[in-house]
Amino acid sequence: MEALVLVAHADDETLGAGGTIPGLVGKGWKVDVVALSDGILDVRGTIEDNRPGFESACAMLGVRECRLLGFKDQKFDMVPMAELANAVATLRLTPDLIITHVETDLNMDHRLTCEVAKIIGRPKIKPVSILGCEIPNTSFWNAKVFPANYYVDVSAHVDLKIDAFARYTNELQEHPHPWSRRGLKLLAEYHGMQCGFRYAEAFSVIRAYEGRLP
């Protein structure tokens, strides 16, 4: 089985599915991560290069291959949707599962990436499940509750997720920021309380098939 984690930016893969990815790998899944951005953030007044963190975090999580597609961070809306989708399609990946963003996210890049995932994940050749992940802050700072309806037990991998995110030295924050070590663990504990696990990651089902889910 193959999974594609299709996200907007370097760090989204770890924030949204950093506990689920190693769980899939442990079950024998081949997991690829594709971020549409170039991994460089220049909209905060300084230039932040997240490319080293991306490669390091993905390696820690057991990803087969990680790719950055080179689109400018926070400027996806300036690119035709066909161009965004074709950049992913040319990779010739054949996932059984796509993990991506949700259309209720505050971040425009995230919402557009969700649309790309739905285009790429059209079941033309085989069934493809699609799950939307939760990105702490942008998923719950939009006056819309994250539509969680699928949970993955990450009790065995929550600390690995946090350590992997810490490789993003430009992004790791101090509590009470959601991107702090404590914040990430509290969110996993909260979702665990919702569903009966000790720690969990929450997802929103966009399309699901039996046998093609974490």
Protein backbone atom coordinates (compact mmCIF):
# COMPACT_ATOMS: atom_id res chain seq x y z
CA MET A 1 0.00 0.00 0.00
CA GLU A 2 1.17 3.52 -0.80
CA ALA A 3 0.34 6.83 0.87
CA LEU A 4 0.95 10.36 -0.34
CA VAL A 5 1.10 13.17 2.19
CA LEU A 6 0.35 16.15 -0.04
CA VAL A 7 0.75 19.43 1.82
CA ALA A 8 1.37 23.07 1.10
CA HIS A 9 4.51 23.81 3.07
CA ALA A 10 7.51 22.16 4.64
CA ASP A 11 6.44 21.41 8.24
CA ASP A 12 2.75 20.75 7.43
CA GLU A 13 3.46 17.04 6.98
CA THR A 14 4.78 16.75 10.54
CA LEU A 15 2.22 19.05 12.15
CA GLY A 16 -0.70 17.29 10.47
CA ALA A 17 0.39 13.66 10.25
CA GLY A 18 3.69 13.28 12.08
CA GLY A 19 2.26 10.55 14.29
CA THR A 20 0.32 8.79 11.56
CA ILE A 21 3.21 8.54 9.07
CA PRO A 22 5.47 6.29 11.19
CA GLY A 23 2.44 4.19 12.07
CA LEU A 24 1.78 3.58 8.38
CA VAL A 25 5.46 2.83 7.75
CA GLY A 26 5.42 0.33 10.59
CA LYS A 27 2.54 -1.47 8.90
CA GLY A 28 4.47 -1.77 5.66
CA TRP A 29 3.08 1.22 3.79
CA LYS A 30 5.32 3.20 1.45
CA VAL A 31 4.87 6.87 2.31
CA ASP A 32 5.89 9.81 0.10
CA VAL A 33 5.66 13.44 1.14
CA VAL A 34 5.14 16.21 -1.40
CA ALA A 35 5.00 19.88 -0.42
CA LEU A 36 3.96 22.32 -3.11
CA SER A 37 6.13 25.15 -1.75
CA ASP A 38 9.84 25.75 -2.19
CA GLY A 39 10.48 25.44 1.55
CA ILE A 40 11.56 29.06 1.91
CA LEU A 41 9.41 31.53 3.84
CA ASP A 42 9.96 35.24 3.23
CA VAL A 43 6.69 36.81 4.40
CA ARG A 44 7.62 37.34 8.07
CA GLY A 45 10.19 40.07 7.52
CA THR A 46 13.10 37.63 7.35
CA ILE A 47 14.00 34.74 5.08
CA GLU A 48 13.54 31.35 6.74
CA ASP A 49 14.86 28.25 5.01
CA ASN A 50 12.90 25.17 6.10
CA ARG A 51 14.43 22.82 3.54
CA PRO A 52 16.94 21.21 5.95
CA GLY A 53 14.18 20.71 8.52
CA PHE A 54 11.94 19.16 5.88
CA GLU A 55 14.51 16.57 4.86
CA SER A 56 15.48 15.79 8.45
CA ALA A 57 11.91 15.50 9.76
CA CYS A 58 10.81 13.28 6.87
CA ALA A 59 13.81 11.01 7.40
CA MET A 60 12.95 10.68 11.09
CA LEU A 61 9.36 9.75 10.26
CA GLY A 62 10.43 7.01 7.83
CA VAL A 63 9.28 8.67 4.61
CA ARG A 64 10.35 6.93 1.40
CA GLU A 65 10.90 10.17 -0.50
CA CYS A 66 10.15 13.82 0.16
CA ARG A 67 9.86 16.50 -2.49
CA LEU A 68 9.44 20.27 -2.62
CA LEU A 69 7.79 21.46 -5.84
CA GLY A 70 9.06 25.03 -5.80
CA PHE A 71 5.94 27.23 -5.62
CA LYS A 72 6.28 30.43 -3.59
CA ASP A 73 4.98 30.25 -0.03
CA GLN A 74 1.68 32.13 0.49
CA LYS A 75 1.35 32.83 -3.24
CA PHE A 76 -0.37 29.69 -4.55
CA ASP A 77 -3.40 31.78 -5.48
CA MET A 78 -1.26 33.45 -8.16
CA VAL A 79 -0.74 30.11 -9.94
CA PRO A 80 -3.36 28.41 -12.15
CA MET A 81 -4.87 25.35 -10.50
CA ALA A 82 -3.94 23.24 -13.53
CA GLU A 83 -0.29 24.14 -13.03
CA LEU A 84 -0.37 23.20 -9.36
CA ALA A 85 -2.11 19.90 -10.09
CA ASN A 86 0.12 19.04 -13.05
CA ALA A 87 3.24 19.54 -10.93
CA VAL A 88 2.02 16.71 -8.71
CA ALA A 89 0.63 14.57 -11.53
CA THR A 90 3.98 14.48 -13.33
CA LEU A 91 5.49 12.66 -10.34
CA ARG A 92 3.49 9.59 -11.43
CA LEU A 93 2.68 8.52 -7.88
CA THR A 94 -0.08 5.95 -7.39
CA PRO A 95 -1.28 6.33 -3.81
CA ASP A 96 -4.01 4.31 -2.16
CA LEU A 97 -4.34 7.09 0.42
CA ILE A 98 -3.76 10.85 0.24
CA ILE A 99 -3.41 12.91 3.41
CA THR A 100 -3.82 16.62 2.73
CA HIS A 101 -5.39 19.79 4.14
CA VAL A 102 -9.05 20.68 4.68
CA GLU A 103 -11.07 23.32 2.86
CA THR A 104 -12.02 25.00 6.17
CA ASP A 105 -8.38 25.93 6.91
CA LEU A 106 -7.53 29.62 7.37
CA ASN A 107 -4.46 29.44 5.11
CA MET A 108 -5.22 29.93 1.40
CA ASP A 109 -2.26 27.78 0.34
CA HIS A 110 -3.69 24.95 2.44
CA ARG A 111 -7.14 25.24 0.90
CA LEU A 112 -5.75 25.23 -2.63
CA THR A 113 -3.61 22.18 -1.84
CA CYS A 114 -6.76 20.38 -0.72
CA GLU A 115 -8.25 21.08 -4.15
CA VAL A 116 -5.10 19.72 -5.81
CA ALA A 117 -5.40 16.54 -3.73
CA LYS A 118 -8.99 16.03 -4.85
CA ILE A 119 -7.92 16.41 -8.48
CA ILE A 120 -4.95 14.07 -8.12
CA GLY A 121 -7.00 11.62 -6.09
CA ARG A 122 -9.78 11.10 -8.60
CA PRO A 123 -10.45 7.33 -8.66
CA LYS A 124 -9.80 6.86 -12.37
CA ILE A 125 -7.51 3.84 -12.03
CA LYS A 126 -8.22 2.61 -8.49
CA PRO A 127 -9.93 3.78 -5.30
CA VAL A 128 -8.03 6.51 -3.46
CA SER A 129 -8.95 7.49 0.08
CA ILE A 130 -8.43 11.16 0.99
CA LEU A 131 -8.11 12.49 4.53
CA GLY A 132 -7.81 16.14 5.53
CA CYS A 133 -5.39 16.81 8.38
CA GLU A 134 -5.42 19.40 11.13
CA ILE A 135 -2.67 22.03 11.19
CA PRO A 136 -2.54 23.52 14.69
CA ASN A 137 -3.38 27.24 14.53
CA THR A 138 -4.54 27.64 10.93
CA SER A 139 -7.12 24.87 11.29
CA PHE A 140 -8.68 26.36 14.39
CA TRP A 141 -8.14 30.11 13.99
CA ASN A 142 -10.70 30.39 11.18
CA ALA A 143 -13.87 30.58 13.29
CA LYS A 144 -14.69 27.12 11.99
CA VAL A 145 -14.35 23.96 14.06
CA PHE A 146 -12.06 21.38 12.48
CA PRO A 147 -14.46 18.71 11.15
CA ALA A 148 -12.83 15.73 12.85
CA ASN A 149 -14.51 12.43 12.07
CA TYR A 150 -11.58 10.02 11.82
CA TYR A 151 -8.93 9.42 14.48
CA VAL A 152 -5.58 7.62 14.41
CA ASP A 153 -3.93 6.28 17.55
CA VAL A 154 -0.49 7.92 17.73
CA SER A 155 0.32 6.97 21.33
CA ALA A 156 3.43 5.10 20.21
CA HIS A 157 4.68 7.93 17.99
CA VAL A 158 3.63 11.24 19.55
CA ASP A 159 7.09 11.91 20.96
CA LEU A 160 8.69 11.08 17.61
CA LYS A 161 6.34 13.56 15.95
CA ILE A 162 7.35 16.29 18.36
CA ASP A 163 11.06 15.52 17.96
CA ALA A 164 10.67 15.58 14.19
CA PHE A 165 8.93 18.95 14.31
CA ALA A 166 11.76 20.27 16.49
CA ARG A 167 14.01 19.85 13.43
CA TYR A 168 12.20 22.91 12.10
CA THR A 169 14.22 25.33 14.17
CA ASN A 170 12.47 28.29 12.53
CA GLU A 171 9.02 27.02 13.48
CA LEU A 172 9.24 25.48 16.96
CA GLN A 173 7.71 27.93 19.45
CA GLU A 174 7.32 28.33 23.18
CA HIS A 175 4.11 27.41 24.99
CA PRO A 176 1.28 28.45 24.76
CA HIS A 177 1.82 28.60 21.00
CA PRO A 178 0.22 25.57 19.28
CA TRP A 179 3.59 24.82 17.65
CA SER A 180 5.34 24.29 20.97
CA ARG A 181 6.31 20.86 22.26
CA ARG A 182 3.68 21.10 24.96
CA GLY A 183 1.07 22.45 22.57
CA LEU A 184 1.49 19.57 20.14
CA LYS A 185 1.25 17.01 22.92
CA LEU A 186 -1.79 18.66 24.47
CA LEU A 187 -3.59 18.59 21.14
CA ALA A 188 -2.81 14.90 20.70
CA GLU A 189 -4.04 14.26 24.24
CA TYR A 190 -7.24 16.22 23.57
CA HIS A 191 -8.01 14.16 20.48
CA GLY A 192 -7.19 11.05 22.46
CA MET A 193 -9.86 12.01 24.98
CA GLN A 194 -12.32 12.51 22.15
CA CYS A 195 -11.86 9.02 20.76
CA GLY A 196 -10.64 6.78 23.57
CA PHE A 197 -6.89 6.64 22.82
CA ARG A 198 -4.17 8.13 24.97
CA TYR A 199 -2.94 10.28 22.08
CA ALA A 200 -4.49 10.70 18.65
CA GLU A 201 -4.33 12.70 15.44
CA ALA A 202 -7.64 13.89 14.02
CA PHE A 203 -8.61 13.89 10.36
CA SER A 204 -11.61 14.80 8.25
CA VAL A 205 -12.78 12.20 5.75
CA ILE A 206 -12.98 13.58 2.23
CA ARG A 207 -13.36 10.13 0.71
CA ALA A 208 -12.73 6.73 2.29
CA TYR A 209 -12.43 3.12 1.18
CA GLU A 210 -12.14 0.06 3.33
CA GLY A 211 -8.53 -1.08 3.54
CA ARG A 212 -7.16 2.23 2.33
CA LEU A 213 -7.05 4.11 5.61
CA PRO A 214 -4.47 4.32 8.43
